[in-house]
Amino acid sequence: MRENQKKDEVIIPAYTSLSLVLAIKKAGFKPILCDISLDDFGLDYNLLERLITDKTLCIVGVHMFGIVSEGMNNLKERFPNLFIIEDCAQALGGSINGIPVGRLGDVSFFSFNRGKNLATYGGGCIVTDSGDLAEAITQIFKNIKQEGYFFKLTIPVKILIISLVTQPLIYGLLYPFLSLLRERRPKQDFKTRGYTDFQAKVAEVILEKIDYFSQLRYENGMLLINGLKDIEGIILPVISGNTQPAFNRLPILIKDLDKRRQIRQALDRIGIDTSYMYSKPLHWEFDLGYPKEDFPCANFCAQHILTLPVHPVTRKIDIQRMLNVIHKVMQR
């Protein structure tokens, strides 16, 4: 453990949630960025060796958008002296070789925040098969303060609102208001809070059906991929045959930025919730010591990405409408 205390570098993808950098820095460690693969939007595992130094503490592999990052499967064997952390925040329900994600690292974590595969407007869970790590994590959790009654009362309302706006009709009606809430300034800090009993009950209900919901996400995502695969100017994720993603959203890369804008506007108008997701790579959002031209794949992804909804409420008619709009715009 003393040797590990001298290590403070954490390798993460250059394109992922800002929360990862905030957590690493808050813990007193240094984020080291690695470019991504445009096949699955996760780490480019071929670049890892050149980034590892005697200060490297761990590697964080991220299953972006619920697409299983296949390179996670042998990271522990490749780097036995490093901690391997598996970021499953968007991937609950995914699997590789029939094994659920969350079992590929020394520690794995899942998010239950809004928009995730199990959404309870906050919270999550950490998974490990190490007794020592489990005890250390449990001790940290004991110090997390519980919120007051007002916060607890707002949670059911927030969960209800989020569940309603996933409906295309309601989203379409509320679009003028919801569009004003976009493009907020990224958070530069976060606070931890206790999980409420109501959130736990909601999580239990969703978990009972998670296999069914995950299968729907997979089927919806594959319908979109198959419907878009022959369109020139669009880059689609590559889904390995031994993985089954539980798509959180389906990411596509549109080379023509004007067409990307047109597609988003057209889909938003008919009640389809699209997103540019993370509009900048991490080294543009934080001063991490990297020139902006570094990490070309992460830069390209941030500039060209559009994500499409595939959640269980997405109907087949919604998928067909997405395909119709995208085909129409791309053929102009």
C-alpha atoms as a PDB file:
ATOM      1  CA  MET A   1       0.000   0.000   0.000  1.00  0.00           C
ATOM      2  CA  ARG A   2       2.873   2.404   0.713  1.00  0.00           C
ATOM      3  CA  GLU A   3       4.114   1.879  -2.827  1.00  0.00           C
ATOM      4  CA  ASN A   4       0.661   2.708  -4.184  1.00  0.00           C
ATOM      5  CA  GLN A   5       0.594   5.939  -2.150  1.00  0.00           C
ATOM      6  CA  LYS A   6       3.441   7.229  -4.331  1.00  0.00           C
ATOM      7  CA  LYS A   7       1.355   6.687  -7.448  1.00  0.00           C
ATOM      8  CA  ASP A   8      -1.089   9.403  -8.413  1.00  0.00           C
ATOM      9  CA  GLU A   9      -1.775   9.044 -12.142  1.00  0.00           C
ATOM     10  CA  VAL A  10      -5.103   7.718 -13.384  1.00  0.00           C
ATOM     11  CA  ILE A  11      -5.481   6.902 -17.089  1.00  0.00           C
ATOM     12  CA  ILE A  12      -8.915   7.712 -18.539  1.00  0.00           C
ATOM     13  CA  PRO A  13     -10.396   8.241 -22.024  1.00  0.00           C
ATOM     14  CA  ALA A  14     -10.026  11.731 -23.481  1.00  0.00           C
ATOM     15  CA  TYR A  15     -13.734  11.714 -24.354  1.00  0.00           C
ATOM     16  CA  THR A  16     -16.058  10.852 -21.501  1.00  0.00           C
ATOM     17  CA  SER A  17     -18.058  12.437 -18.687  1.00  0.00           C
ATOM     18  CA  LEU A  18     -16.540  15.450 -16.959  1.00  0.00           C
ATOM     19  CA  SER A  19     -17.519  13.854 -13.665  1.00  0.00           C
ATOM     20  CA  LEU A  20     -14.647  11.417 -14.003  1.00  0.00           C
ATOM     21  CA  VAL A  21     -12.065  14.212 -14.004  1.00  0.00           C
ATOM     22  CA  LEU A  22     -13.797  15.965 -11.114  1.00  0.00           C
ATOM     23  CA  ALA A  23     -13.762  12.798  -9.004  1.00  0.00           C
ATOM     24  CA  ILE A  24     -10.110  12.036  -9.781  1.00  0.00           C
ATOM     25  CA  LYS A  25      -8.970  15.563  -8.943  1.00  0.00           C
ATOM     26  CA  LYS A  26     -11.101  15.698  -5.815  1.00  0.00           C
ATOM     27  CA  ALA A  27      -9.387  12.518  -4.623  1.00  0.00           C
ATOM     28  CA  GLY A  28      -6.002  14.191  -5.095  1.00  0.00           C
ATOM     29  CA  PHE A  29      -4.948  12.283  -8.207  1.00  0.00           C
ATOM     30  CA  LYS A  30      -3.884  13.377 -11.689  1.00  0.00           C
ATOM     31  CA  PRO A  31      -5.913  12.483 -14.812  1.00  0.00           C
ATOM     32  CA  ILE A  32      -3.826  11.142 -17.699  1.00  0.00           C
ATOM     33  CA  LEU A  33      -5.737  11.152 -20.968  1.00  0.00           C
ATOM     34  CA  CYS A  34      -5.730   8.461 -23.638  1.00  0.00           C
ATOM     35  CA  ASP A  35      -7.289   8.876 -27.057  1.00  0.00           C
ATOM     36  CA  ILE A  36     -10.370   6.829 -27.898  1.00  0.00           C
ATOM     37  CA  SER A  37     -11.324   4.341 -30.570  1.00  0.00           C
ATOM     38  CA  LEU A  38     -14.085   5.439 -32.929  1.00  0.00           C
ATOM     39  CA  ASP A  39     -15.210   1.798 -33.112  1.00  0.00           C
ATOM     40  CA  ASP A  40     -16.663   1.679 -29.592  1.00  0.00           C
ATOM     41  CA  PHE A  41     -15.916   5.194 -28.219  1.00  0.00           C
ATOM     42  CA  GLY A  42     -13.860   3.722 -25.368  1.00  0.00           C
ATOM     43  CA  LEU A  43     -10.127   3.723 -24.700  1.00  0.00           C
ATOM     44  CA  ASP A  44      -7.790   2.970 -27.578  1.00  0.00           C
ATOM     45  CA  TYR A  45      -6.110   0.097 -25.757  1.00  0.00           C
ATOM     46  CA  ASN A  46      -3.203   0.046 -28.223  1.00  0.00           C
ATOM     47  CA  LEU A  47      -1.987   3.351 -26.761  1.00  0.00           C
ATOM     48  CA  LEU A  48      -1.843   2.358 -23.099  1.00  0.00           C
ATOM     49  CA  GLU A  49       1.738   1.098 -22.884  1.00  0.00           C
ATOM     50  CA  ARG A  50       3.196   4.462 -23.858  1.00  0.00           C
ATOM     51  CA  LEU A  51       1.188   6.237 -21.135  1.00  0.00           C
ATOM     52  CA  ILE A  52       2.122   4.029 -18.192  1.00  0.00           C
ATOM     53  CA  THR A  53       4.860   5.302 -15.877  1.00  0.00           C
ATOM     54  CA  ASP A  54       6.072   4.473 -12.382  1.00  0.00           C
ATOM     55  CA  LYS A  55       3.427   6.917 -11.140  1.00  0.00           C
ATOM     56  CA  THR A  56       0.494   5.147 -12.779  1.00  0.00           C
ATOM     57  CA  LEU A  57      -2.003   3.958 -10.159  1.00  0.00           C
ATOM     58  CA  CYS A  58      -4.857   2.668 -12.285  1.00  0.00           C
ATOM     59  CA  ILE A  59      -6.612   2.521 -15.642  1.00  0.00           C
ATOM     60  CA  VAL A  60     -10.277   3.428 -15.959  1.00  0.00           C
ATOM     61  CA  GLY A  61     -12.024   1.702 -18.866  1.00  0.00           C
ATOM     62  CA  VAL A  62     -15.379   3.196 -19.821  1.00  0.00           C
ATOM     63  CA  HIS A  63     -18.252   1.408 -21.564  1.00  0.00           C
ATOM     64  CA  MET A  64     -19.394   4.557 -23.363  1.00  0.00           C
ATOM     65  CA  PHE A  65     -23.049   4.777 -24.333  1.00  0.00           C
ATOM     66  CA  GLY A  66     -23.542   1.225 -23.041  1.00  0.00           C
ATOM     67  CA  ILE A  67     -21.331  -0.177 -25.812  1.00  0.00           C
ATOM     68  CA  VAL A  68     -19.166  -2.852 -24.217  1.00  0.00           C
ATOM     69  CA  SER A  69     -15.496  -1.851 -24.430  1.00  0.00           C
ATOM     70  CA  GLU A  70     -14.066  -5.202 -25.476  1.00  0.00           C
ATOM     71  CA  GLY A  71     -10.486  -4.283 -24.531  1.00  0.00           C
ATOM     72  CA  MET A  72     -11.522  -4.301 -20.866  1.00  0.00           C
ATOM     73  CA  ASN A  73     -11.727  -8.084 -21.040  1.00  0.00           C
ATOM     74  CA  ASN A  74      -7.983  -8.678 -20.632  1.00  0.00           C
ATOM     75  CA  LEU A  75      -6.741  -5.504 -18.941  1.00  0.00           C
ATOM     76  CA  LYS A  76      -6.091  -7.240 -15.616  1.00  0.00           C
ATOM     77  CA  GLU A  77      -3.920  -9.801 -17.384  1.00  0.00           C
ATOM     78  CA  ARG A  78      -2.057  -7.145 -19.387  1.00  0.00           C
ATOM     79  CA  PHE A  79      -1.355  -4.887 -16.408  1.00  0.00           C
ATOM     80  CA  PRO A  80      -1.373  -7.043 -13.257  1.00  0.00           C
ATOM     81  CA  ASN A  81       0.410  -4.386 -11.167  1.00  0.00           C
ATOM     82  CA  LEU A  82      -2.190  -1.692 -11.791  1.00  0.00           C
ATOM     83  CA  PHE A  83      -5.686  -1.235 -10.432  1.00  0.00           C
ATOM     84  CA  ILE A  84      -8.312  -1.663 -13.142  1.00  0.00           C
ATOM     85  CA  ILE A  85     -11.509   0.335 -12.697  1.00  0.00           C
ATOM     86  CA  GLU A  86     -14.510  -0.458 -14.877  1.00  0.00           C
ATOM     87  CA  ASP A  87     -16.807   2.496 -15.526  1.00  0.00           C
ATOM     88  CA  CYS A  88     -20.241   0.966 -16.158  1.00  0.00           C
ATOM     89  CA  ALA A  89     -22.157   4.207 -15.545  1.00  0.00           C
ATOM     90  CA  GLN A  90     -23.980   3.911 -18.890  1.00  0.00           C
ATOM     91  CA  ALA A  91     -23.773   0.160 -19.383  1.00  0.00           C
ATOM     92  CA  LEU A  92     -25.939  -1.657 -16.838  1.00  0.00           C
ATOM     93  CA  GLY A  93     -27.341  -4.734 -18.585  1.00  0.00           C
ATOM     94  CA  GLY A  94     -24.512  -5.119 -21.094  1.00  0.00           C
ATOM     95  CA  SER A  95     -22.381  -8.261 -21.323  1.00  0.00           C
ATOM     96  CA  ILE A  96     -19.269  -9.761 -22.910  1.00  0.00           C
ATOM     97  CA  ASN A  97     -18.985 -13.490 -23.598  1.00  0.00           C
ATOM     98  CA  GLY A  98     -22.234 -13.829 -21.662  1.00  0.00           C
ATOM     99  CA  ILE A  99     -20.716 -12.225 -18.551  1.00  0.00           C
ATOM    100  CA  PRO A 100     -22.386  -9.016 -17.310  1.00  0.00           C
ATOM    101  CA  VAL A 101     -20.275  -5.884 -17.303  1.00  0.00           C
ATOM    102  CA  GLY A 102     -18.981  -4.962 -13.886  1.00  0.00           C
ATOM    103  CA  ARG A 103     -16.819  -8.058 -13.424  1.00  0.00           C
ATOM    104  CA  LEU A 104     -13.826  -7.060 -15.534  1.00  0.00           C
ATOM    105  CA  GLY A 105     -11.995  -4.797 -13.098  1.00  0.00           C
ATOM    106  CA  ASP A 106     -10.803  -4.663  -9.510  1.00  0.00           C
ATOM    107  CA  VAL A 107     -13.569  -2.144  -8.896  1.00  0.00           C
ATOM    108  CA  SER A 108     -16.594  -1.290 -11.020  1.00  0.00           C
ATOM    109  CA  PHE A 109     -19.243   1.370 -10.637  1.00  0.00           C
ATOM    110  CA  PHE A 110     -22.702   2.066 -12.017  1.00  0.00           C
ATOM    111  CA  SER A 111     -24.673   5.307 -12.137  1.00  0.00           C
ATOM    112  CA  PHE A 112     -28.372   5.594 -11.371  1.00  0.00           C
ATOM    113  CA  ASN A 113     -28.598   9.254 -12.325  1.00  0.00           C
ATOM    114  CA  ARG A 114     -31.213  10.614 -14.709  1.00  0.00           C
ATOM    115  CA  GLY A 115     -30.888   9.262 -18.219  1.00  0.00           C
ATOM    116  CA  LYS A 116     -29.046   6.125 -17.151  1.00  0.00           C
ATOM    117  CA  ASN A 117     -30.223   2.549 -17.750  1.00  0.00           C
ATOM    118  CA  LEU A 118     -31.469   2.426 -14.164  1.00  0.00           C
ATOM    119  CA  ALA A 119     -32.541   5.990 -13.438  1.00  0.00           C
ATOM    120  CA  THR A 120     -33.463   7.104  -9.919  1.00  0.00           C
ATOM    121  CA  TYR A 121     -32.324  10.725 -10.277  1.00  0.00           C
ATOM    122  CA  GLY A 122     -29.020  10.209  -8.531  1.00  0.00           C
ATOM    123  CA  GLY A 123     -27.128   7.477  -6.775  1.00  0.00           C
ATOM    124  CA  GLY A 124     -25.334   4.422  -8.025  1.00  0.00           C
ATOM    125  CA  CYS A 125     -23.381   1.443  -6.773  1.00  0.00           C
ATOM    126  CA  ILE A 126     -19.799   0.213  -6.515  1.00  0.00           C
ATOM    127  CA  VAL A 127     -18.857  -3.429  -7.066  1.00  0.00           C
ATOM    128  CA  THR A 128     -15.708  -5.291  -6.043  1.00  0.00           C
ATOM    129  CA  ASP A 129     -14.708  -8.856  -5.169  1.00  0.00           C
ATOM    130  CA  SER A 130     -11.944  -7.604  -2.840  1.00  0.00           C
ATOM    131  CA  GLY A 131     -12.819  -7.742   0.838  1.00  0.00           C
ATOM    132  CA  ASP A 132     -10.253  -5.049   1.714  1.00  0.00           C
ATOM    133  CA  LEU A 133     -11.549  -2.655  -0.929  1.00  0.00           C
ATOM    134  CA  ALA A 134     -15.152  -3.332   0.061  1.00  0.00           C
ATOM    135  CA  GLU A 135     -14.367  -2.488   3.691  1.00  0.00           C
ATOM    136  CA  ALA A 136     -12.542   0.719   2.748  1.00  0.00           C
ATOM    137  CA  ILE A 137     -15.391   1.829   0.477  1.00  0.00           C
ATOM    138  CA  THR A 138     -17.974   1.035   3.155  1.00  0.00           C
ATOM    139  CA  GLN A 139     -16.132   3.209   5.675  1.00  0.00           C
ATOM    140  CA  ILE A 140     -16.198   6.134   3.241  1.00  0.00           C
ATOM    141  CA  PHE A 141     -19.923   5.704   2.666  1.00  0.00           C
ATOM    142  CA  LYS A 142     -20.595   5.875   6.389  1.00  0.00           C
ATOM    143  CA  ASN A 143     -19.474   9.506   6.349  1.00  0.00           C
ATOM    144  CA  ILE A 144     -21.908  10.601   3.649  1.00  0.00           C
ATOM    145  CA  LYS A 145     -24.565  12.895   5.093  1.00  0.00           C
ATOM    146  CA  GLN A 146     -28.243  12.240   4.501  1.00  0.00           C
ATOM    147  CA  GLU A 147     -30.318  15.002   2.918  1.00  0.00           C
ATOM    148  CA  GLY A 148     -33.220  16.712   4.660  1.00  0.00           C
ATOM    149  CA  TYR A 149     -36.937  16.125   4.180  1.00  0.00           C
ATOM    150  CA  PHE A 150     -37.338  18.742   1.441  1.00  0.00           C
ATOM    151  CA  PHE A 151     -34.804  17.009  -0.806  1.00  0.00           C
ATOM    152  CA  LYS A 152     -36.438  13.651  -0.146  1.00  0.00           C
ATOM    153  CA  LEU A 153     -39.833  15.078  -1.097  1.00  0.00           C
ATOM    154  CA  THR A 154     -38.540  16.453  -4.410  1.00  0.00           C
ATOM    155  CA  ILE A 155     -37.110  13.133  -5.598  1.00  0.00           C
ATOM    156  CA  PRO A 156     -40.458  11.483  -6.544  1.00  0.00           C
ATOM    157  CA  VAL A 157     -41.454  14.607  -8.485  1.00  0.00           C
ATOM    158  CA  LYS A 158     -38.141  14.711 -10.379  1.00  0.00           C
ATOM    159  CA  ILE A 159     -38.324  11.010 -11.253  1.00  0.00           C
ATOM    160  CA  LEU A 160     -41.893  11.477 -12.504  1.00  0.00           C
ATOM    161  CA  ILE A 161     -40.907  14.417 -14.707  1.00  0.00           C
ATOM    162  CA  ILE A 162     -37.949  12.564 -16.205  1.00  0.00           C
ATOM    163  CA  SER A 163     -40.130   9.528 -16.957  1.00  0.00           C
ATOM    164  CA  LEU A 164     -42.730  11.715 -18.666  1.00  0.00           C
ATOM    165  CA  VAL A 165     -40.370  13.632 -20.958  1.00  0.00           C
ATOM    166  CA  THR A 166     -39.052  10.377 -22.434  1.00  0.00           C
ATOM    167  CA  GLN A 167     -42.450  10.085 -24.140  1.00  0.00           C
ATOM    168  CA  PRO A 168     -42.077  11.553 -27.666  1.00  0.00           C
ATOM    169  CA  LEU A 169     -45.452  13.312 -27.581  1.00  0.00           C
ATOM    170  CA  ILE A 170     -44.777  15.026 -24.260  1.00  0.00           C
ATOM    171  CA  TYR A 171     -41.194  15.828 -25.252  1.00  0.00           C
ATOM    172  CA  GLY A 172     -42.448  17.424 -28.459  1.00  0.00           C
ATOM    173  CA  LEU A 173     -44.943  19.597 -26.576  1.00  0.00           C
ATOM    174  CA  LEU A 174     -42.315  20.682 -24.040  1.00  0.00           C
ATOM    175  CA  TYR A 175     -39.461  21.061 -26.541  1.00  0.00           C
ATOM    176  CA  PRO A 176     -39.439  24.907 -26.571  1.00  0.00           C
ATOM    177  CA  PHE A 177     -38.976  24.883 -22.781  1.00  0.00           C
ATOM    178  CA  LEU A 178     -36.592  21.931 -22.615  1.00  0.00           C
ATOM    179  CA  SER A 179     -34.341  23.408 -25.297  1.00  0.00           C
ATOM    180  CA  LEU A 180     -33.661  26.361 -22.997  1.00  0.00           C
ATOM    181  CA  LEU A 181     -32.185  23.993 -20.423  1.00  0.00           C
ATOM    182  CA  ARG A 182     -29.509  22.694 -22.775  1.00  0.00           C
ATOM    183  CA  GLU A 183     -25.918  23.819 -23.210  1.00  0.00           C
ATOM    184  CA  ARG A 184     -25.396  24.633 -19.549  1.00  0.00           C
ATOM    185  CA  ARG A 185     -21.948  25.489 -18.287  1.00  0.00           C
ATOM    186  CA  PRO A 186     -20.260  22.239 -17.153  1.00  0.00           C
ATOM    187  CA  LYS A 187     -20.086  21.708 -13.408  1.00  0.00           C
ATOM    188  CA  GLN A 188     -16.733  22.250 -11.794  1.00  0.00           C
ATOM    189  CA  ASP A 189     -17.543  20.387  -8.568  1.00  0.00           C
ATOM    190  CA  PHE A 190     -20.017  17.939  -7.117  1.00  0.00           C
ATOM    191  CA  LYS A 191     -21.391  16.919  -3.741  1.00  0.00           C
ATOM    192  CA  THR A 192     -22.193  13.511  -2.369  1.00  0.00           C
ATOM    193  CA  ARG A 193     -25.543  12.768  -0.754  1.00  0.00           C
ATOM    194  CA  GLY A 194     -27.256   9.780   0.725  1.00  0.00           C
ATOM    195  CA  TYR A 195     -29.605   7.540  -1.238  1.00  0.00           C
ATOM    196  CA  THR A 196     -33.252   7.902  -0.185  1.00  0.00           C
ATOM    197  CA  ASP A 197     -35.586   5.022   0.623  1.00  0.00           C
ATOM    198  CA  PHE A 198     -37.816   6.034  -2.297  1.00  0.00           C
ATOM    199  CA  GLN A 199     -34.914   5.864  -4.732  1.00  0.00           C
ATOM    200  CA  ALA A 200     -33.994   2.422  -3.387  1.00  0.00           C
ATOM    201  CA  LYS A 201     -37.543   1.152  -3.950  1.00  0.00           C
ATOM    202  CA  VAL A 202     -37.582   2.498  -7.507  1.00  0.00           C
ATOM    203  CA  ALA A 203     -34.217   0.825  -8.151  1.00  0.00           C
ATOM    204  CA  GLU A 204     -35.541  -2.512  -6.864  1.00  0.00           C
ATOM    205  CA  VAL A 205     -38.528  -2.353  -9.219  1.00  0.00           C
ATOM    206  CA  ILE A 206     -36.364  -1.533 -12.254  1.00  0.00           C
ATOM    207  CA  LEU A 207     -33.767  -4.179 -11.382  1.00  0.00           C
ATOM    208  CA  GLU A 208     -36.431  -6.877 -11.487  1.00  0.00           C
ATOM    209  CA  LYS A 209     -36.975  -6.039 -15.169  1.00  0.00           C
ATOM    210  CA  ILE A 210     -33.446  -4.988 -16.122  1.00  0.00           C
ATOM    211  CA  ASP A 211     -32.858  -7.977 -18.430  1.00  0.00           C
ATOM    212  CA  TYR A 212     -36.044  -7.183 -20.342  1.00  0.00           C
ATOM    213  CA  PHE A 213     -35.240  -3.465 -20.555  1.00  0.00           C
ATOM    214  CA  SER A 214     -31.654  -4.187 -21.608  1.00  0.00           C
ATOM    215  CA  GLN A 215     -32.834  -6.458 -24.401  1.00  0.00           C
ATOM    216  CA  LEU A 216     -35.131  -3.708 -25.666  1.00  0.00           C
ATOM    217  CA  ARG A 217     -32.256  -1.231 -25.628  1.00  0.00           C
ATOM    218  CA  TYR A 218     -30.102  -3.673 -27.578  1.00  0.00           C
ATOM    219  CA  GLU A 219     -32.808  -4.388 -30.142  1.00  0.00           C
ATOM    220  CA  ASN A 220     -33.625  -0.696 -30.637  1.00  0.00           C
ATOM    221  CA  GLY A 221     -29.963   0.180 -31.072  1.00  0.00           C
ATOM    222  CA  MET A 222     -29.365  -2.580 -33.587  1.00  0.00           C
ATOM    223  CA  LEU A 223     -32.441  -1.579 -35.586  1.00  0.00           C
ATOM    224  CA  LEU A 224     -30.990   1.902 -35.933  1.00  0.00           C
ATOM    225  CA  ILE A 225     -27.514   0.606 -36.809  1.00  0.00           C
ATOM    226  CA  ASN A 226     -28.886  -1.712 -39.469  1.00  0.00           C
ATOM    227  CA  GLY A 227     -31.073   1.068 -40.848  1.00  0.00           C
ATOM    228  CA  LEU A 228     -28.169   3.510 -41.116  1.00  0.00           C
ATOM    229  CA  LYS A 229     -25.313   1.240 -42.158  1.00  0.00           C
ATOM    230  CA  ASP A 230     -25.438   2.034 -45.859  1.00  0.00           C
ATOM    231  CA  ILE A 231     -25.560   5.836 -45.536  1.00  0.00           C
ATOM    232  CA  GLU A 232     -22.444   7.586 -46.745  1.00  0.00           C
ATOM    233  CA  GLY A 233     -21.166  10.253 -44.372  1.00  0.00           C
ATOM    234  CA  ILE A 234     -22.165   8.503 -41.137  1.00  0.00           C
ATOM    235  CA  ILE A 235     -19.793   6.527 -38.891  1.00  0.00           C
ATOM    236  CA  LEU A 236     -21.502   3.892 -36.751  1.00  0.00           C
ATOM    237  CA  PRO A 237     -20.218   1.998 -33.710  1.00  0.00           C
ATOM    238  CA  VAL A 238     -18.773  -1.454 -34.376  1.00  0.00           C
ATOM    239  CA  ILE A 239     -20.527  -4.060 -32.240  1.00  0.00           C
ATOM    240  CA  SER A 240     -18.412  -7.137 -31.595  1.00  0.00           C
ATOM    241  CA  GLY A 241     -20.148 -10.491 -31.937  1.00  0.00           C
ATOM    242  CA  ASN A 242     -19.182 -11.592 -28.424  1.00  0.00           C
ATOM    243  CA  THR A 243     -20.648  -8.506 -26.773  1.00  0.00           C
ATOM    244  CA  GLN A 244     -24.214  -7.424 -26.209  1.00  0.00           C
ATOM    245  CA  PRO A 245     -24.489  -3.721 -25.447  1.00  0.00           C
ATOM    246  CA  ALA A 246     -27.310  -2.323 -23.364  1.00  0.00           C
ATOM    247  CA  PHE A 247     -27.289   0.937 -25.283  1.00  0.00           C
ATOM    248  CA  ASN A 248     -27.788   3.970 -23.090  1.00  0.00           C
ATOM    249  CA  ARG A 249     -28.040   6.043 -26.253  1.00  0.00           C
ATOM    250  CA  LEU A 250     -26.914   5.227 -29.782  1.00  0.00           C
ATOM    251  CA  PRO A 251     -23.961   7.411 -30.867  1.00  0.00           C
ATOM    252  CA  ILE A 252     -23.450   8.170 -34.534  1.00  0.00           C
ATOM    253  CA  LEU A 253     -20.819  10.435 -36.093  1.00  0.00           C
ATOM    254  CA  ILE A 254     -22.004  12.687 -38.903  1.00  0.00           C
ATOM    255  CA  LYS A 255     -19.165  14.062 -41.013  1.00  0.00           C
ATOM    256  CA  ASP A 256     -21.100  17.044 -42.385  1.00  0.00           C
ATOM    257  CA  LEU A 257     -21.739  19.363 -39.427  1.00  0.00           C
ATOM    258  CA  ASP A 258     -24.531  21.259 -41.181  1.00  0.00           C
ATOM    259  CA  LYS A 259     -26.386  18.020 -41.812  1.00  0.00           C
ATOM    260  CA  ARG A 260     -25.865  17.032 -38.197  1.00  0.00           C
ATOM    261  CA  ARG A 261     -27.546  20.293 -37.163  1.00  0.00           C
ATOM    262  CA  GLN A 262     -30.414  19.767 -39.597  1.00  0.00           C
ATOM    263  CA  ILE A 263     -31.008  16.214 -38.366  1.00  0.00           C
ATOM    264  CA  ARG A 264     -31.062  17.277 -34.747  1.00  0.00           C
ATOM    265  CA  GLN A 265     -33.472  20.127 -35.362  1.00  0.00           C
ATOM    266  CA  ALA A 266     -35.814  17.960 -37.441  1.00  0.00           C
ATOM    267  CA  LEU A 267     -35.874  15.169 -34.855  1.00  0.00           C
ATOM    268  CA  ASP A 268     -36.367  17.545 -31.943  1.00  0.00           C
ATOM    269  CA  ARG A 269     -39.368  19.085 -33.694  1.00  0.00           C
ATOM    270  CA  ILE A 270     -41.109  15.700 -33.905  1.00  0.00           C
ATOM    271  CA  GLY A 271     -40.448  14.847 -30.266  1.00  0.00           C
ATOM    272  CA  ILE A 272     -37.295  12.752 -30.631  1.00  0.00           C
ATOM    273  CA  ASP A 273     -34.782  13.688 -27.938  1.00  0.00           C
ATOM    274  CA  THR A 274     -31.350  13.928 -29.553  1.00  0.00           C
ATOM    275  CA  SER A 275     -28.128  15.090 -27.947  1.00  0.00           C
ATOM    276  CA  TYR A 276     -24.610  16.254 -28.800  1.00  0.00           C
ATOM    277  CA  MET A 277     -23.675  14.539 -25.520  1.00  0.00           C
ATOM    278  CA  TYR A 278     -20.247  15.858 -24.466  1.00  0.00           C
ATOM    279  CA  SER A 279     -19.605  18.669 -26.922  1.00  0.00           C
ATOM    280  CA  LYS A 280     -15.922  18.976 -25.979  1.00  0.00           C
ATOM    281  CA  PRO A 281     -13.223  16.453 -25.070  1.00  0.00           C
ATOM    282  CA  LEU A 282     -11.820  16.578 -21.552  1.00  0.00           C
ATOM    283  CA  HIS A 283      -8.663  18.518 -22.427  1.00  0.00           C
ATOM    284  CA  TRP A 284     -10.829  21.328 -23.808  1.00  0.00           C
ATOM    285  CA  GLU A 285     -12.942  21.490 -20.654  1.00  0.00           C
ATOM    286  CA  PHE A 286     -10.096  21.334 -18.122  1.00  0.00           C
ATOM    287  CA  ASP A 287      -6.566  22.679 -18.040  1.00  0.00           C
ATOM    288  CA  LEU A 288      -4.786  19.328 -17.978  1.00  0.00           C
ATOM    289  CA  GLY A 289      -1.640  20.429 -19.788  1.00  0.00           C
ATOM    290  CA  TYR A 290      -2.544  19.136 -23.253  1.00  0.00           C
ATOM    291  CA  PRO A 291      -2.677  21.146 -26.515  1.00  0.00           C
ATOM    292  CA  LYS A 292      -6.145  21.219 -28.062  1.00  0.00           C
ATOM    293  CA  GLU A 293      -4.967  19.347 -31.148  1.00  0.00           C
ATOM    294  CA  ASP A 294      -4.019  16.307 -29.054  1.00  0.00           C
ATOM    295  CA  PHE A 295      -6.292  13.231 -29.125  1.00  0.00           C
ATOM    296  CA  PRO A 296      -7.595  13.526 -32.704  1.00  0.00           C
ATOM    297  CA  CYS A 297     -10.245  10.818 -32.341  1.00  0.00           C
ATOM    298  CA  ALA A 298     -11.661  12.409 -29.188  1.00  0.00           C
ATOM    299  CA  ASN A 299     -11.702  15.788 -30.942  1.00  0.00           C
ATOM    300  CA  PHE A 300     -13.461  14.373 -34.001  1.00  0.00           C
ATOM    301  CA  CYS A 301     -16.007  12.544 -31.843  1.00  0.00           C
ATOM    302  CA  ALA A 302     -16.894  15.638 -29.820  1.00  0.00           C
ATOM    303  CA  GLN A 303     -17.365  17.729 -32.967  1.00  0.00           C
ATOM    304  CA  HIS A 304     -19.411  15.229 -34.988  1.00  0.00           C
ATOM    305  CA  ILE A 305     -21.403  13.132 -32.536  1.00  0.00           C
ATOM    306  CA  LEU A 306     -25.174  12.906 -32.369  1.00  0.00           C
ATOM    307  CA  THR A 307     -26.866  10.478 -29.992  1.00  0.00           C
ATOM    308  CA  LEU A 308     -30.267   8.933 -30.567  1.00  0.00           C
ATOM    309  CA  PRO A 309     -32.704   7.550 -27.959  1.00  0.00           C
ATOM    310  CA  VAL A 310     -33.065   3.766 -27.651  1.00  0.00           C
ATOM    311  CA  HIS A 311     -34.616   3.510 -24.185  1.00  0.00           C
ATOM    312  CA  PRO A 312     -37.434   0.983 -23.603  1.00  0.00           C
ATOM    313  CA  VAL A 313     -40.138   3.594 -24.196  1.00  0.00           C
ATOM    314  CA  THR A 314     -38.836   4.122 -27.740  1.00  0.00           C
ATOM    315  CA  ARG A 315     -41.364   2.620 -30.122  1.00  0.00           C
ATOM    316  CA  LYS A 316     -40.658   0.986 -33.456  1.00  0.00           C
ATOM    317  CA  ILE A 317     -42.525   3.839 -35.129  1.00  0.00           C
ATOM    318  CA  ASP A 318     -40.140   6.282 -33.420  1.00  0.00           C
ATOM    319  CA  ILE A 319     -37.161   4.352 -34.773  1.00  0.00           C
ATOM    320  CA  GLN A 320     -38.630   4.449 -38.266  1.00  0.00           C
ATOM    321  CA  ARG A 321     -39.210   8.204 -37.966  1.00  0.00           C
ATOM    322  CA  MET A 322     -35.569   8.681 -36.940  1.00  0.00           C
ATOM    323  CA  LEU A 323     -34.414   6.644 -39.917  1.00  0.00           C
ATOM    324  CA  ASN A 324     -36.677   8.562 -42.299  1.00  0.00           C
ATOM    325  CA  VAL A 325     -35.398  11.947 -41.127  1.00  0.00           C
ATOM    326  CA  ILE A 326     -31.736  10.943 -41.239  1.00  0.00           C
ATOM    327  CA  HIS A 327     -32.038   9.361 -44.696  1.00  0.00           C
ATOM    328  CA  LYS A 328     -33.859  12.435 -46.030  1.00  0.00           C
ATOM    329  CA  VAL A 329     -31.293  14.916 -44.727  1.00  0.00           C
ATOM    330  CA  MET A 330     -28.263  12.847 -45.723  1.00  0.00           C
ATOM    331  CA  GLN A 331     -29.546  12.420 -49.298  1.00  0.00           C
ATOM    332  CA  ARG A 332     -29.845  16.156 -49.921  1.00  0.00           C
END
